[in-house]
Structures are given as structure tokens and as C-alpha cells.
Amino acid sequence: MDENILGLVAGGITSVAMLPQLLKILKEKDVEDLSLWMILALIIGLSLWVWYGVLKDELPIILSNGFAVLVNICLLISYFIYRKEK
């Protein structure tokens, strides 16, 4: 198997891992069980992976982590939209 295809498949699977969480939040409009710090850590870490992928010119790393950054930014936005003030 071509290593770029392997990287794209592996990255694609891990990148969509947060989609069920995002869809659940958008459906239920409830973020009570969502950790803000986890989302922020993921966005920072994934952004660093994108940067690494750019430096190494590795398209699978750039695409998969770039998509994951977008999903997690959507989670972050949803967190602030749907959080309940205490």
C-alpha cells in the first residue's frame, strides 16, 4: 500500500472521530459534558501537526489535521453558543 494513501486513511479516520460529538451537540444544543480545556488542547496540538506537515511537505498530515482543527473549532464555537451561564 502506498504510504500517502495509508496516511490519508489513518488521518481521515482520526479526523472524523469528533464529528459524532459535534453532531450530537448541534442536535441537542447541550455542551454541559464538553470540556473547554480538551477542545483548546486539541486545537493547539492539531494546529502544531498542521505546521509540522507544512514544514515536512506531508499532504496527509496537513489535510487530516487541518480538517480536525476545523471540526474542533466548530466544537469550540458550539461550546460558547450553547453553554449555560451559571
PDB file of N, CA and C in Angstrom:
ATOM      1  N   MET A   1       0.840  -1.175   0.000  1.00  0.00           N
ATOM      2  CA  MET A   1       0.000   0.000   0.000  1.00  0.00           C
ATOM      3  C   MET A   1       0.887   1.241   0.000  1.00  0.00           C
ATOM      4  N   ASP A   2       0.519   2.222  -0.789  1.00  0.00           N
ATOM      5  CA  ASP A   2       1.244   3.487  -0.862  1.00  0.00           C
ATOM      6  C   ASP A   2       1.187   4.193   0.497  1.00  0.00           C
ATOM      7  N   GLU A   3       2.313   4.712   0.950  1.00  0.00           N
ATOM      8  CA  GLU A   3       2.356   5.339   2.284  1.00  0.00           C
ATOM      9  C   GLU A   3       1.492   6.590   2.377  1.00  0.00           C
ATOM     10  N   ASN A   4       1.316   7.329   1.277  1.00  0.00           N
ATOM     11  CA  ASN A   4       0.435   8.502   1.308  1.00  0.00           C
ATOM     12  C   ASN A   4      -1.026   8.093   1.468  1.00  0.00           C
ATOM     13  N   ILE A   5      -1.414   7.004   0.815  1.00  0.00           N
ATOM     14  CA  ILE A   5      -2.785   6.501   0.962  1.00  0.00           C
ATOM     15  C   ILE A   5      -2.997   6.039   2.396  1.00  0.00           C
ATOM     16  N   LEU A   6      -2.029   5.314   2.942  1.00  0.00           N
ATOM     17  CA  LEU A   6      -2.116   4.875   4.339  1.00  0.00           C
ATOM     18  C   LEU A   6      -2.262   6.075   5.271  1.00  0.00           C
ATOM     19  N   GLY A   7      -1.458   7.109   5.040  1.00  0.00           N
ATOM     20  CA  GLY A   7      -1.525   8.312   5.867  1.00  0.00           C
ATOM     21  C   GLY A   7      -2.863   9.011   5.745  1.00  0.00           C
ATOM     22  N   LEU A   8      -3.405   9.077   4.527  1.00  0.00           N
ATOM     23  CA  LEU A   8      -4.706   9.716   4.321  1.00  0.00           C
ATOM     24  C   LEU A   8      -5.832   8.931   4.992  1.00  0.00           C
ATOM     25  N   VAL A   9      -5.786   7.612   4.885  1.00  0.00           N
ATOM     26  CA  VAL A   9      -6.817   6.779   5.509  1.00  0.00           C
ATOM     27  C   VAL A   9      -6.739   6.900   7.036  1.00  0.00           C
ATOM     28  N   ALA A  10      -5.533   6.758   7.584  1.00  0.00           N
ATOM     29  CA  ALA A  10      -5.361   6.857   9.039  1.00  0.00           C
ATOM     30  C   ALA A  10      -5.764   8.243   9.534  1.00  0.00           C
ATOM     31  N   GLY A  11      -5.305   9.273   8.849  1.00  0.00           N
ATOM     32  CA  GLY A  11      -5.649  10.638   9.234  1.00  0.00           C
ATOM     33  C   GLY A  11      -7.132  10.917   9.089  1.00  0.00           C
ATOM     34  N   GLY A  12      -7.736  10.376   8.040  1.00  0.00           N
ATOM     35  CA  GLY A  12      -9.170  10.568   7.824  1.00  0.00           C
ATOM     36  C   GLY A  12      -9.997   9.959   8.939  1.00  0.00           C
ATOM     37  N   ILE A  13      -9.619   8.775   9.354  1.00  0.00           N
ATOM     38  CA  ILE A  13     -10.362   8.097  10.425  1.00  0.00           C
ATOM     39  C   ILE A  13     -10.242   8.877  11.735  1.00  0.00           C
ATOM     40  N   THR A  14      -9.039   9.286  12.091  1.00  0.00           N
ATOM     41  CA  THR A  14      -8.875  10.026  13.341  1.00  0.00           C
ATOM     42  C   THR A  14      -9.466  11.433  13.258  1.00  0.00           C
ATOM     43  N   SER A  15      -9.492  12.005  12.067  1.00  0.00           N
ATOM     44  CA  SER A  15     -10.037  13.355  11.903  1.00  0.00           C
ATOM     45  C   SER A  15     -11.542  13.406  12.083  1.00  0.00           C
ATOM     46  N   VAL A  16     -12.229  12.349  11.711  1.00  0.00           N
ATOM     47  CA  VAL A  16     -13.692  12.339  11.833  1.00  0.00           C
ATOM     48  C   VAL A  16     -14.143  11.854  13.209  1.00  0.00           C
ATOM     49  N   ALA A  17     -13.199  11.535  14.072  1.00  0.00           N
ATOM     50  CA  ALA A  17     -13.543  10.996  15.389  1.00  0.00           C
ATOM     51  C   ALA A  17     -14.404  11.944  16.211  1.00  0.00           C
ATOM     52  N   MET A  18     -14.244  13.243  16.053  1.00  0.00           N
ATOM     53  CA  MET A  18     -15.019  14.211  16.830  1.00  0.00           C
ATOM     54  C   MET A  18     -16.329  14.601  16.152  1.00  0.00           C
ATOM     55  N   LEU A  19     -16.553  14.163  14.925  1.00  0.00           N
ATOM     56  CA  LEU A  19     -17.794  14.503  14.236  1.00  0.00           C
ATOM     57  C   LEU A  19     -19.053  14.018  14.968  1.00  0.00           C
ATOM     58  N   PRO A  20     -19.092  12.788  15.488  1.00  0.00           N
ATOM     59  CA  PRO A  20     -20.286  12.376  16.229  1.00  0.00           C
ATOM     60  C   PRO A  20     -20.576  13.289  17.432  1.00  0.00           C
ATOM     61  N   GLN A  21     -19.522  13.739  18.105  1.00  0.00           N
ATOM     62  CA  GLN A  21     -19.700  14.659  19.239  1.00  0.00           C
ATOM     63  C   GLN A  21     -20.286  15.983  18.763  1.00  0.00           C
ATOM     64  N   LEU A  22     -19.749  16.507  17.666  1.00  0.00           N
ATOM     65  CA  LEU A  22     -20.243  17.772  17.119  1.00  0.00           C
ATOM     66  C   LEU A  22     -21.701  17.649  16.687  1.00  0.00           C
ATOM     67  N   LEU A  23     -22.029  16.575  16.010  1.00  0.00           N
ATOM     68  CA  LEU A  23     -23.410  16.377  15.558  1.00  0.00           C
ATOM     69  C   LEU A  23     -24.371  16.248  16.735  1.00  0.00           C
ATOM     70  N   LYS A  24     -23.939  15.557  17.785  1.00  0.00           N
ATOM     71  CA  LYS A  24     -24.766  15.411  18.990  1.00  0.00           C
ATOM     72  C   LYS A  24     -25.017  16.772  19.632  1.00  0.00           C
ATOM     73  N   ILE A  25     -23.992  17.584  19.716  1.00  0.00           N
ATOM     74  CA  ILE A  25     -24.134  18.915  20.310  1.00  0.00           C
ATOM     75  C   ILE A  25     -25.071  19.784  19.476  1.00  0.00           C
ATOM     76  N   LEU A  26     -24.895  19.745  18.162  1.00  0.00           N
ATOM     77  CA  LEU A  26     -25.755  20.553  17.300  1.00  0.00           C
ATOM     78  C   LEU A  26     -27.211  20.099  17.373  1.00  0.00           C
ATOM     79  N   LYS A  27     -27.418  18.800  17.540  1.00  0.00           N
ATOM     80  CA  LYS A  27     -28.777  18.263  17.626  1.00  0.00           C
ATOM     81  C   LYS A  27     -29.424  18.601  18.969  1.00  0.00           C
ATOM     82  N   GLU A  28     -28.679  18.394  20.063  1.00  0.00           N
ATOM     83  CA  GLU A  28     -29.232  18.556  21.408  1.00  0.00           C
ATOM     84  C   GLU A  28     -29.041  19.959  21.992  1.00  0.00           C
ATOM     85  N   LYS A  29     -28.142  20.739  21.375  1.00  0.00           N
ATOM     86  CA  LYS A  29     -27.829  22.089  21.866  1.00  0.00           C
ATOM     87  C   LYS A  29     -27.433  22.074  23.346  1.00  0.00           C
ATOM     88  N   ASP A  30     -26.606  21.094  23.690  1.00  0.00           N
ATOM     89  CA  ASP A  30     -26.163  20.916  25.069  1.00  0.00           C
ATOM     90  C   ASP A  30     -24.668  20.596  25.082  1.00  0.00           C
ATOM     91  N   VAL A  31     -23.892  21.429  25.780  1.00  0.00           N
ATOM     92  CA  VAL A  31     -22.443  21.224  25.861  1.00  0.00           C
ATOM     93  C   VAL A  31     -21.975  21.009  27.304  1.00  0.00           C
ATOM     94  N   GLU A  32     -22.905  20.662  28.175  1.00  0.00           N
ATOM     95  CA  GLU A  32     -22.584  20.527  29.597  1.00  0.00           C
ATOM     96  C   GLU A  32     -21.435  19.547  29.843  1.00  0.00           C
ATOM     97  N   ASP A  33     -21.385  18.460  29.096  1.00  0.00           N
ATOM     98  CA  ASP A  33     -20.353  17.437  29.311  1.00  0.00           C
ATOM     99  C   ASP A  33     -19.106  17.645  28.463  1.00  0.00           C
ATOM    100  N   LEU A  34     -19.031  18.752  27.780  1.00  0.00           N
ATOM    101  CA  LEU A  34     -17.887  19.031  26.910  1.00  0.00           C
ATOM    102  C   LEU A  34     -16.844  19.833  27.676  1.00  0.00           C
ATOM    103  N   SER A  35     -15.591  19.424  27.588  1.00  0.00           N
ATOM    104  CA  SER A  35     -14.508  20.102  28.296  1.00  0.00           C
ATOM    105  C   SER A  35     -13.881  21.174  27.398  1.00  0.00           C
ATOM    106  N   LEU A  36     -13.947  22.427  27.849  1.00  0.00           N
ATOM    107  CA  LEU A  36     -13.336  23.528  27.106  1.00  0.00           C
ATOM    108  C   LEU A  36     -11.838  23.318  26.959  1.00  0.00           C
ATOM    109  N   TRP A  37     -11.200  22.870  28.039  1.00  0.00           N
ATOM    110  CA  TRP A  37      -9.736  22.682  28.012  1.00  0.00           C
ATOM    111  C   TRP A  37      -9.319  21.572  27.056  1.00  0.00           C
ATOM    112  N   MET A  38     -10.140  20.530  26.934  1.00  0.00           N
ATOM    113  CA  MET A  38      -9.835  19.471  25.978  1.00  0.00           C
ATOM    114  C   MET A  38      -9.895  20.019  24.552  1.00  0.00           C
ATOM    115  N   ILE A  39     -10.925  20.796  24.267  1.00  0.00           N
ATOM    116  CA  ILE A  39     -11.063  21.359  22.924  1.00  0.00           C
ATOM    117  C   ILE A  39      -9.884  22.274  22.603  1.00  0.00           C
ATOM    118  N   LEU A  40      -9.522  23.136  23.554  1.00  0.00           N
ATOM    119  CA  LEU A  40      -8.402  24.048  23.331  1.00  0.00           C
ATOM    120  C   LEU A  40      -7.092  23.288  23.129  1.00  0.00           C
ATOM    121  N   ALA A  41      -6.868  22.257  23.936  1.00  0.00           N
ATOM    122  CA  ALA A  41      -5.650  21.451  23.792  1.00  0.00           C
ATOM    123  C   ALA A  41      -5.614  20.763  22.427  1.00  0.00           C
ATOM    124  N   LEU A  42      -6.758  20.234  21.992  1.00  0.00           N
ATOM    125  CA  LEU A  42      -6.814  19.582  20.682  1.00  0.00           C
ATOM    126  C   LEU A  42      -6.543  20.572  19.550  1.00  0.00           C
ATOM    127  N   ILE A  43      -7.135  21.747  19.624  1.00  0.00           N
ATOM    128  CA  ILE A  43      -6.920  22.748  18.578  1.00  0.00           C
ATOM    129  C   ILE A  43      -5.448  23.136  18.503  1.00  0.00           C
ATOM    130  N   ILE A  44      -4.827  23.360  19.651  1.00  0.00           N
ATOM    131  CA  ILE A  44      -3.406  23.727  19.668  1.00  0.00           C
ATOM    132  C   ILE A  44      -2.549  22.587  19.129  1.00  0.00           C
ATOM    133  N   GLY A  45      -2.765  21.373  19.641  1.00  0.00           N
ATOM    134  CA  GLY A  45      -1.972  20.223  19.188  1.00  0.00           C
ATOM    135  C   GLY A  45      -2.153  19.922  17.713  1.00  0.00           C
ATOM    136  N   LEU A  46      -3.383  19.945  17.250  1.00  0.00           N
ATOM    137  CA  LEU A  46      -3.649  19.672  15.837  1.00  0.00           C
ATOM    138  C   LEU A  46      -3.072  20.761  14.937  1.00  0.00           C
ATOM    139  N   SER A  47      -3.121  22.006  15.410  1.00  0.00           N
ATOM    140  CA  SER A  47      -2.536  23.106  14.635  1.00  0.00           C
ATOM    141  C   SER A  47      -1.026  22.939  14.506  1.00  0.00           C
ATOM    142  N   LEU A  48      -0.403  22.456  15.573  1.00  0.00           N
ATOM    143  CA  LEU A  48       1.042  22.186  15.508  1.00  0.00           C
ATOM    144  C   LEU A  48       1.336  21.054  14.524  1.00  0.00           C
ATOM    145  N   TRP A  49       0.457  20.050  14.468  1.00  0.00           N
ATOM    146  CA  TRP A  49       0.626  18.975  13.478  1.00  0.00           C
ATOM    147  C   TRP A  49       0.512  19.522  12.058  1.00  0.00           C
ATOM    148  N   VAL A  50      -0.418  20.448  11.847  1.00  0.00           N
ATOM    149  CA  VAL A  50      -0.540  21.059  10.512  1.00  0.00           C
ATOM    150  C   VAL A  50       0.749  21.792  10.165  1.00  0.00           C
ATOM    151  N   TRP A  51       1.263  22.549  11.100  1.00  0.00           N
ATOM    152  CA  TRP A  51       2.503  23.280  10.889  1.00  0.00           C
ATOM    153  C   TRP A  51       3.645  22.313  10.571  1.00  0.00           C
ATOM    154  N   TYR A  52       3.728  21.237  11.319  1.00  0.00           N
ATOM    155  CA  TYR A  52       4.733  20.201  11.075  1.00  0.00           C
ATOM    156  C   TYR A  52       4.571  19.622   9.663  1.00  0.00           C
ATOM    157  N   GLY A  53       3.327  19.339   9.286  1.00  0.00           N
ATOM    158  CA  GLY A  53       3.071  18.810   7.954  1.00  0.00           C
ATOM    159  C   GLY A  53       3.489  19.767   6.861  1.00  0.00           C
ATOM    160  N   VAL A  54       3.284  21.053   7.084  1.00  0.00           N
ATOM    161  CA  VAL A  54       3.714  22.062   6.105  1.00  0.00           C
ATOM    162  C   VAL A  54       5.237  22.072   6.010  1.00  0.00           C
ATOM    163  N   LEU A  55       5.903  22.056   7.165  1.00  0.00           N
ATOM    164  CA  LEU A  55       7.372  22.065   7.166  1.00  0.00           C
ATOM    165  C   LEU A  55       7.951  20.840   6.468  1.00  0.00           C
ATOM    166  N   LYS A  56       7.309  19.692   6.636  1.00  0.00           N
ATOM    167  CA  LYS A  56       7.781  18.443   6.034  1.00  0.00           C
ATOM    168  C   LYS A  56       7.170  18.184   4.657  1.00  0.00           C
ATOM    169  N   ASP A  57       6.258  19.062   4.220  1.00  0.00           N
ATOM    170  CA  ASP A  57       5.570  18.912   2.936  1.00  0.00           C
ATOM    171  C   ASP A  57       4.857  17.555   2.848  1.00  0.00           C
ATOM    172  N   GLU A  58       4.099  17.240   3.904  1.00  0.00           N
ATOM    173  CA  GLU A  58       3.379  15.972   4.003  1.00  0.00           C
ATOM    174  C   GLU A  58       1.876  16.237   3.908  1.00  0.00           C
ATOM    175  N   LEU A  59       1.324  16.054   2.725  1.00  0.00           N
ATOM    176  CA  LEU A  59      -0.084  16.347   2.479  1.00  0.00           C
ATOM    177  C   LEU A  59      -1.040  15.572   3.388  1.00  0.00           C
ATOM    178  N   PRO A  60      -0.822  14.276   3.643  1.00  0.00           N
ATOM    179  CA  PRO A  60      -1.749  13.567   4.535  1.00  0.00           C
ATOM    180  C   PRO A  60      -1.831  14.193   5.932  1.00  0.00           C
ATOM    181  N   ILE A  61      -0.701  14.640   6.457  1.00  0.00           N
ATOM    182  CA  ILE A  61      -0.680  15.263   7.780  1.00  0.00           C
ATOM    183  C   ILE A  61      -1.406  16.607   7.735  1.00  0.00           C
ATOM    184  N   ILE A  62      -1.161  17.378   6.707  1.00  0.00           N
ATOM    185  CA  ILE A  62      -1.795  18.698   6.573  1.00  0.00           C
ATOM    186  C   ILE A  62      -3.304  18.561   6.443  1.00  0.00           C
ATOM    187  N   LEU A  63      -3.756  17.702   5.549  1.00  0.00           N
ATOM    188  CA  LEU A  63      -5.192  17.578   5.282  1.00  0.00           C
ATOM    189  C   LEU A  63      -5.962  17.008   6.472  1.00  0.00           C
ATOM    190  N   SER A  64      -5.473  15.910   7.026  1.00  0.00           N
ATOM    191  CA  SER A  64      -6.223  15.267   8.109  1.00  0.00           C
ATOM    192  C   SER A  64      -6.262  16.143   9.352  1.00  0.00           C
ATOM    193  N   ASN A  65      -5.144  16.720   9.719  1.00  0.00           N
ATOM    194  CA  ASN A  65      -5.126  17.556  10.911  1.00  0.00           C
ATOM    195  C   ASN A  65      -5.794  18.904  10.674  1.00  0.00           C
ATOM    196  N   GLY A  66      -5.708  19.411   9.457  1.00  0.00           N
ATOM    197  CA  GLY A  66      -6.419  20.648   9.121  1.00  0.00           C
ATOM    198  C   GLY A  66      -7.922  20.465   9.258  1.00  0.00           C
ATOM    199  N   PHE A  67      -8.438  19.335   8.776  1.00  0.00           N
ATOM    200  CA  PHE A  67      -9.862  19.041   8.920  1.00  0.00           C
ATOM    201  C   PHE A  67     -10.240  18.907  10.395  1.00  0.00           C
ATOM    202  N   ALA A  68      -9.392  18.221  11.159  1.00  0.00           N
ATOM    203  CA  ALA A  68      -9.663  18.038  12.584  1.00  0.00           C
ATOM    204  C   ALA A  68      -9.660  19.380  13.315  1.00  0.00           C
ATOM    205  N   VAL A  69      -8.787  20.303  12.923  1.00  0.00           N
ATOM    206  CA  VAL A  69      -8.790  21.643  13.517  1.00  0.00           C
ATOM    207  C   VAL A  69     -10.133  22.318  13.261  1.00  0.00           C
ATOM    208  N   LEU A  70     -10.634  22.222  12.027  1.00  0.00           N
ATOM    209  CA  LEU A  70     -11.920  22.843  11.696  1.00  0.00           C
ATOM    210  C   LEU A  70     -13.066  22.251  12.515  1.00  0.00           C
ATOM    211  N   VAL A  71     -13.084  20.932  12.662  1.00  0.00           N
ATOM    212  CA  VAL A  71     -14.132  20.280  13.463  1.00  0.00           C
ATOM    213  C   VAL A  71     -14.066  20.769  14.906  1.00  0.00           C
ATOM    214  N   ASN A  72     -12.864  20.852  15.453  1.00  0.00           N
ATOM    215  CA  ASN A  72     -12.721  21.276  16.839  1.00  0.00           C
ATOM    216  C   ASN A  72     -13.004  22.763  17.027  1.00  0.00           C
ATOM    217  N   ILE A  73     -12.748  23.575  16.022  1.00  0.00           N
ATOM    218  CA  ILE A  73     -13.147  24.982  16.085  1.00  0.00           C
ATOM    219  C   ILE A  73     -14.666  25.079  16.097  1.00  0.00           C
ATOM    220  N   CYS A  74     -15.333  24.242  15.327  1.00  0.00           N
ATOM    221  CA  CYS A  74     -16.804  24.199  15.365  1.00  0.00           C
ATOM    222  C   CYS A  74     -17.290  23.788  16.743  1.00  0.00           C
ATOM    223  N   LEU A  75     -16.613  22.833  17.376  1.00  0.00           N
ATOM    224  CA  LEU A  75     -16.957  22.445  18.747  1.00  0.00           C
ATOM    225  C   LEU A  75     -16.762  23.615  19.708  1.00  0.00           C
ATOM    226  N   LEU A  76     -15.679  24.346  19.537  1.00  0.00           N
ATOM    227  CA  LEU A  76     -15.398  25.489  20.398  1.00  0.00           C
ATOM    228  C   LEU A  76     -16.482  26.562  20.247  1.00  0.00           C
ATOM    229  N   ILE A  77     -16.846  26.853  19.026  1.00  0.00           N
ATOM    230  CA  ILE A  77     -17.910  27.832  18.774  1.00  0.00           C
ATOM    231  C   ILE A  77     -19.220  27.347  19.390  1.00  0.00           C
ATOM    232  N   SER A  78     -19.528  26.070  19.204  1.00  0.00           N
ATOM    233  CA  SER A  78     -20.745  25.494  19.780  1.00  0.00           C
ATOM    234  C   SER A  78     -20.722  25.574  21.299  1.00  0.00           C
ATOM    235  N   TYR A  79     -19.559  25.370  21.873  1.00  0.00           N
ATOM    236  CA  TYR A  79     -19.423  25.454  23.331  1.00  0.00           C
ATOM    237  C   TYR A  79     -19.882  26.824  23.822  1.00  0.00           C
ATOM    238  N   PHE A  80     -19.432  27.865  23.170  1.00  0.00           N
ATOM    239  CA  PHE A  80     -19.791  29.217  23.612  1.00  0.00           C
ATOM    240  C   PHE A  80     -21.232  29.580  23.268  1.00  0.00           C
ATOM    241  N   ILE A  81     -21.763  29.030  22.205  1.00  0.00           N
ATOM    242  CA  ILE A  81     -23.156  29.306  21.835  1.00  0.00           C
ATOM    243  C   ILE A  81     -24.126  28.620  22.795  1.00  0.00           C
ATOM    244  N   TYR A  82     -23.866  27.364  23.130  1.00  0.00           N
ATOM    245  CA  TYR A  82     -24.847  26.554  23.872  1.00  0.00           C
ATOM    246  C   TYR A  82     -24.559  26.399  25.357  1.00  0.00           C
ATOM    247  N   ARG A  83     -23.473  26.947  25.865  1.00  0.00           N
ATOM    248  CA  ARG A  83     -23.195  26.781  27.291  1.00  0.00           C
ATOM    249  C   ARG A  83     -24.230  27.524  28.117  1.00  0.00           C
ATOM    250  N   LYS A  84     -24.518  26.979  29.263  1.00  0.00           N
ATOM    251  CA  LYS A  84     -25.479  27.592  30.174  1.00  0.00           C
ATOM    252  C   LYS A  84     -24.717  28.420  31.204  1.00  0.00           C
ATOM    253  N   GLU A  85     -25.114  29.652  31.327  1.00  0.00           N
ATOM    254  CA  GLU A  85     -24.479  30.525  32.307  1.00  0.00           C
ATOM    255  C   GLU A  85     -24.807  30.059  33.717  1.00  0.00           C
ATOM    256  N   LYS A  86     -23.798  30.038  34.571  1.00  0.00           N
ATOM    257  CA  LYS A  86     -24.012  29.596  35.956  1.00  0.00           C
ATOM    258  C   LYS A  86     -24.128  30.776  36.884  1.00  0.00           C
TER     259      LYS A  86
END
